[in-house]
PDB file of N, CA and C in Angstrom:
ATOM      1  N   MET A   1     154.931   4.284 -44.144  1.00  0.00           N
ATOM      2  CA  MET A   1     153.684   5.701 -44.131  1.00  0.00           C
ATOM      3  C   MET A   1     152.507   5.289 -45.461  1.00  0.00           C
ATOM      4  N   TYR A   2     153.042   4.803 -46.403  1.00  0.00           N
ATOM      5  CA  TYR A   2     151.561   4.826 -47.255  1.00  0.00           C
ATOM      6  C   TYR A   2     151.155   3.296 -46.445  1.00  0.00           C
ATOM      7  N   SER A   3     151.233   2.610 -45.595  1.00  0.00           N
ATOM      8  CA  SER A   3     150.784   1.531 -45.212  1.00  0.00           C
ATOM      9  C   SER A   3     150.273   2.197 -43.452  1.00  0.00           C
ATOM     10  N   LEU A   4     150.827   2.625 -43.280  1.00  0.00           N
ATOM     11  CA  LEU A   4     149.758   3.323 -41.729  1.00  0.00           C
ATOM     12  C   LEU A   4     148.585   4.453 -41.908  1.00  0.00           C
ATOM     13  N   VAL A   5     148.612   4.958 -43.347  1.00  0.00           N
ATOM     14  CA  VAL A   5     147.744   6.213 -44.197  1.00  0.00           C
ATOM     15  C   VAL A   5     146.530   4.961 -44.607  1.00  0.00           C
ATOM     16  N   ASN A   6     146.684   3.981 -45.232  1.00  0.00           N
ATOM     17  CA  ASN A   6     145.673   2.855 -45.408  1.00  0.00           C
ATOM     18  C   ASN A   6     145.220   2.502 -44.054  1.00  0.00           C
ATOM     19  N   PHE A   7     145.828   1.899 -43.021  1.00  0.00           N
ATOM     20  CA  PHE A   7     145.134   1.624 -42.291  1.00  0.00           C
ATOM     21  C   PHE A   7     144.758   2.244 -40.936  1.00  0.00           C
ATOM     22  N   ILE A   8     145.012   3.846 -40.955  1.00  0.00           N
ATOM     23  CA  ILE A   8     144.111   4.726 -40.317  1.00  0.00           C
ATOM     24  C   ILE A   8     143.508   4.890 -41.014  1.00  0.00           C
ATOM     25  N   LYS A   9     142.744   4.899 -42.582  1.00  0.00           N
ATOM     26  CA  LYS A   9     141.910   5.038 -43.170  1.00  0.00           C
ATOM     27  C   LYS A   9     140.753   4.165 -43.238  1.00  0.00           C
ATOM     28  N   ASP A  10     141.397   2.755 -42.699  1.00  0.00           N
ATOM     29  CA  ASP A  10     140.065   1.499 -42.879  1.00  0.00           C
ATOM     30  C   ASP A  10     138.923   1.654 -41.496  1.00  0.00           C
ATOM     31  N   GLU A  11     138.277   1.393 -42.509  1.00  0.00           N
ATOM     32  CA  GLU A  11     136.928   1.472 -41.560  1.00  0.00           C
ATOM     33  C   GLU A  11     136.292   0.465 -41.201  1.00  0.00           C
ATOM     34  N   GLU A  12     137.168  -0.959 -41.654  1.00  0.00           N
ATOM     35  CA  GLU A  12     136.415  -2.393 -41.249  1.00  0.00           C
ATOM     36  C   GLU A  12     136.866  -2.652 -40.287  1.00  0.00           C
ATOM     37  N   GLY A  13     137.673  -2.284 -38.910  1.00  0.00           N
ATOM     38  CA  GLY A  13     137.318  -1.775 -37.792  1.00  0.00           C
ATOM     39  C   GLY A  13     136.549  -1.491 -37.125  1.00  0.00           C
ATOM     40  N   ALA A  14     136.370  -0.816 -37.788  1.00  0.00           N
ATOM     41  CA  ALA A  14     135.305   0.096 -36.681  1.00  0.00           C
ATOM     42  C   ALA A  14     133.670  -0.087 -37.220  1.00  0.00           C
ATOM     43  N   THR A  15     133.720  -0.782 -38.316  1.00  0.00           N
ATOM     44  CA  THR A  15     132.389  -1.840 -38.516  1.00  0.00           C
ATOM     45  C   THR A  15     132.221  -3.028 -38.158  1.00  0.00           C
ATOM     46  N   ILE A  16     133.669  -4.016 -37.002  1.00  0.00           N
ATOM     47  CA  ILE A  16     133.633  -4.830 -36.512  1.00  0.00           C
ATOM     48  C   ILE A  16     133.342  -4.517 -34.924  1.00  0.00           C
ATOM     49  N   ALA A  17     133.349  -3.276 -35.033  1.00  0.00           N
ATOM     50  CA  ALA A  17     133.702  -2.813 -33.571  1.00  0.00           C
ATOM     51  C   ALA A  17     132.207  -2.070 -32.987  1.00  0.00           C
ATOM     52  N   GLU A  18     131.125  -1.894 -34.228  1.00  0.00           N
ATOM     53  CA  GLU A  18     129.683  -1.113 -34.308  1.00  0.00           C
ATOM     54  C   GLU A  18     128.963  -3.063 -33.646  1.00  0.00           C
ATOM     55  N   TYR A  19     129.500  -4.017 -34.480  1.00  0.00           N
ATOM     56  CA  TYR A  19     128.214  -5.062 -34.510  1.00  0.00           C
ATOM     57  C   TYR A  19     128.958  -4.891 -33.415  1.00  0.00           C
ATOM     58  N   ALA A  20     130.016  -5.765 -32.756  1.00  0.00           N
ATOM     59  CA  ALA A  20     130.065  -6.230 -31.141  1.00  0.00           C
ATOM     60  C   ALA A  20     129.246  -5.633 -30.212  1.00  0.00           C
ATOM     61  N   LEU A  21     129.208  -4.186 -30.175  1.00  0.00           N
ATOM     62  CA  LEU A  21     128.548  -3.147 -30.009  1.00  0.00           C
ATOM     63  C   LEU A  21     126.776  -3.996 -29.846  1.00  0.00           C
ATOM     64  N   LEU A  22     126.380  -3.476 -30.886  1.00  0.00           N
ATOM     65  CA  LEU A  22     124.758  -3.985 -31.409  1.00  0.00           C
ATOM     66  C   LEU A  22     124.768  -4.883 -30.620  1.00  0.00           C
ATOM     67  N   LEU A  23     125.627  -6.199 -30.738  1.00  0.00           N
ATOM     68  CA  LEU A  23     125.633  -7.433 -29.848  1.00  0.00           C
ATOM     69  C   LEU A  23     125.293  -7.796 -28.683  1.00  0.00           C
ATOM     70  N   GLY A  24     126.247  -6.811 -28.172  1.00  0.00           N
ATOM     71  CA  GLY A  24     125.836  -6.825 -26.652  1.00  0.00           C
ATOM     72  C   GLY A  24     124.689  -6.177 -25.773  1.00  0.00           C
ATOM     73  N   LEU A  25     124.405  -5.155 -26.685  1.00  0.00           N
ATOM     74  CA  LEU A  25     122.950  -3.799 -26.547  1.00  0.00           C
ATOM     75  C   LEU A  25     122.103  -5.644 -26.422  1.00  0.00           C
ATOM     76  N   ILE A  26     121.730  -5.534 -27.678  1.00  0.00           N
ATOM     77  CA  ILE A  26     120.719  -6.850 -27.876  1.00  0.00           C
ATOM     78  C   ILE A  26     121.074  -7.967 -26.970  1.00  0.00           C
ATOM     79  N   LEU A  27     121.777  -8.141 -26.771  1.00  0.00           N
ATOM     80  CA  LEU A  27     121.948  -9.205 -25.395  1.00  0.00           C
ATOM     81  C   LEU A  27     121.691  -9.121 -24.068  1.00  0.00           C
ATOM     82  N   VAL A  28     121.905  -7.637 -23.957  1.00  0.00           N
ATOM     83  CA  VAL A  28     121.199  -7.281 -22.556  1.00  0.00           C
ATOM     84  C   VAL A  28     119.790  -6.614 -22.562  1.00  0.00           C
ATOM     85  N   ALA A  29     119.242  -6.579 -23.970  1.00  0.00           N
ATOM     86  CA  ALA A  29     117.805  -6.413 -23.999  1.00  0.00           C
ATOM     87  C   ALA A  29     117.178  -7.600 -23.564  1.00  0.00           C
ATOM     88  N   VAL A  30     117.935  -8.718 -24.153  1.00  0.00           N
ATOM     89  CA  VAL A  30     117.452 -10.452 -24.302  1.00  0.00           C
ATOM     90  C   VAL A  30     117.255 -10.794 -22.249  1.00  0.00           C
ATOM     91  N   VAL A  31     118.740 -10.624 -21.715  1.00  0.00           N
ATOM     92  CA  VAL A  31     118.567 -10.334 -20.675  1.00  0.00           C
ATOM     93  C   VAL A  31     117.337 -10.121 -20.118  1.00  0.00           C
ATOM     94  N   THR A  32     117.217  -9.025 -19.966  1.00  0.00           N
ATOM     95  CA  THR A  32     116.614  -8.232 -19.614  1.00  0.00           C
ATOM     96  C   THR A  32     114.641  -8.979 -19.703  1.00  0.00           C
ATOM     97  N   VAL A  33     114.510  -9.369 -20.663  1.00  0.00           N
ATOM     98  CA  VAL A  33     113.361  -9.304 -21.240  1.00  0.00           C
ATOM     99  C   VAL A  33     113.050 -10.797 -20.756  1.00  0.00           C
ATOM    100  N   VAL A  34     114.361 -11.667 -20.355  1.00  0.00           N
ATOM    101  CA  VAL A  34     113.859 -13.110 -19.801  1.00  0.00           C
ATOM    102  C   VAL A  34     113.913 -13.384 -18.695  1.00  0.00           C
ATOM    103  N   THR A  35     114.691 -12.267 -18.035  1.00  0.00           N
ATOM    104  CA  THR A  35     114.488 -12.234 -16.477  1.00  0.00           C
ATOM    105  C   THR A  35     112.807 -11.623 -15.907  1.00  0.00           C
ATOM    106  N   ALA A  36     112.535 -10.833 -17.038  1.00  0.00           N
ATOM    107  CA  ALA A  36     111.547  -9.891 -16.118  1.00  0.00           C
ATOM    108  C   ALA A  36     110.247 -11.041 -16.812  1.00  0.00           C
ATOM    109  N   PHE A  37     110.281 -11.714 -17.285  1.00  0.00           N
ATOM    110  CA  PHE A  37     109.119 -12.515 -18.101  1.00  0.00           C
ATOM    111  C   PHE A  37     109.168 -14.166 -17.243  1.00  0.00           C
ATOM    112  N   GLY A  38     110.539 -14.385 -16.550  1.00  0.00           N
ATOM    113  CA  GLY A  38     110.938 -15.417 -16.106  1.00  0.00           C
ATOM    114  C   GLY A  38     109.941 -15.544 -14.552  1.00  0.00           C
ATOM    115  N   THR A  39     110.018 -13.725 -14.412  1.00  0.00           N
ATOM    116  CA  THR A  39     110.182 -13.635 -12.941  1.00  0.00           C
ATOM    117  C   THR A  39     108.464 -14.051 -12.512  1.00  0.00           C
ATOM    118  N   ASN A  40     107.809 -13.458 -14.267  1.00  0.00           N
ATOM    119  CA  ASN A  40     106.264 -13.560 -13.598  1.00  0.00           C
ATOM    120  C   ASN A  40     106.007 -14.846 -14.190  1.00  0.00           C
ATOM    121  N   ILE A  41     106.188 -15.705 -14.823  1.00  0.00           N
ATOM    122  CA  ILE A  41     105.815 -17.035 -15.114  1.00  0.00           C
ATOM    123  C   ILE A  41     105.966 -17.692 -14.161  1.00  0.00           C
ATOM    124  N   SER A  42     107.138 -17.783 -13.420  1.00  0.00           N
ATOM    125  CA  SER A  42     106.929 -18.919 -12.072  1.00  0.00           C
ATOM    126  C   SER A  42     105.962 -18.188 -10.942  1.00  0.00           C
ATOM    127  N   SER A  43     105.814 -16.940 -10.863  1.00  0.00           N
ATOM    128  CA  SER A  43     104.607 -16.687 -10.197  1.00  0.00           C
ATOM    129  C   SER A  43     103.457 -17.011 -10.868  1.00  0.00           C
ATOM    130  N   ALA A  44     103.412 -17.188 -11.935  1.00  0.00           N
ATOM    131  CA  ALA A  44     101.979 -17.743 -12.399  1.00  0.00           C
ATOM    132  C   ALA A  44     101.851 -19.203 -12.038  1.00  0.00           C
ATOM    133  N   VAL A  45     102.551 -19.846 -11.847  1.00  0.00           N
ATOM    134  CA  VAL A  45     103.089 -21.019 -12.206  1.00  0.00           C
ATOM    135  C   VAL A  45     102.575 -21.757 -11.028  1.00  0.00           C
ATOM    136  N   SER A  46     103.241 -21.065  -9.347  1.00  0.00           N
ATOM    137  CA  SER A  46     103.207 -21.323  -8.408  1.00  0.00           C
ATOM    138  C   SER A  46     101.726 -20.904  -7.790  1.00  0.00           C
ATOM    139  N   LYS A  47     101.039 -19.706  -8.480  1.00  0.00           N
ATOM    140  CA  LYS A  47      99.871 -19.719  -7.996  1.00  0.00           C
ATOM    141  C   LYS A  47      98.492 -20.425  -8.968  1.00  0.00           C
ATOM    142  N   ALA A  48      99.104 -21.142  -9.662  1.00  0.00           N
ATOM    143  CA  ALA A  48      98.292 -22.184 -10.625  1.00  0.00           C
ATOM    144  C   ALA A  48      98.012 -23.436  -9.295  1.00  0.00           C
ATOM    145  N   SER A  49      99.292 -24.075  -9.664  1.00  0.00           N
ATOM    146  CA  SER A  49      99.713 -25.022  -8.606  1.00  0.00           C
ATOM    147  C   SER A  49      99.043 -25.137  -7.408  1.00  0.00           C
ATOM    148  N   GLY A  50      98.865 -23.578  -6.803  1.00  0.00           N
ATOM    149  CA  GLY A  50      98.666 -23.686  -4.651  1.00  0.00           C
ATOM    150  C   GLY A  50      97.211 -23.817  -5.285  1.00  0.00           C
ATOM    151  N   LYS A  51      96.421 -23.577  -6.421  1.00  0.00           N
ATOM    152  CA  LYS A  51      95.373 -23.598  -6.619  1.00  0.00           C
ATOM    153  C   LYS A  51      94.292 -24.931  -7.015  1.00  0.00           C
ATOM    154  N   LEU A  52      95.829 -26.014  -7.218  1.00  0.00           N
ATOM    155  CA  LEU A  52      95.331 -26.961  -7.616  1.00  0.00           C
ATOM    156  C   LEU A  52      95.209 -27.750  -6.530  1.00  0.00           C
ATOM    157  N   ILE A  53      96.076 -27.085  -5.026  1.00  0.00           N
ATOM    158  CA  ILE A  53      96.427 -27.978  -4.491  1.00  0.00           C
ATOM    159  C   ILE A  53      95.122 -27.899  -3.402  1.00  0.00           C
ATOM    160  N   THR A  54      94.213 -27.075  -2.869  1.00  0.00           N
ATOM    161  CA  THR A  54      93.523 -27.099  -2.191  1.00  0.00           C
ATOM    162  C   THR A  54      91.711 -27.651  -2.912  1.00  0.00           C
TER     163      THR A  54
END
């Protein structure tokens, strides 16, 4: 019974879950930013190359 109470009161598992959630949110933010800037950069390079050819 003592082991079960200690297991329930242990906060280390919650910390791991919090880190995993934080890592997931950071990953979503990075993917969103890279996708947004990637599209803008691709558009700028296309425009620049089009002007160099003409």
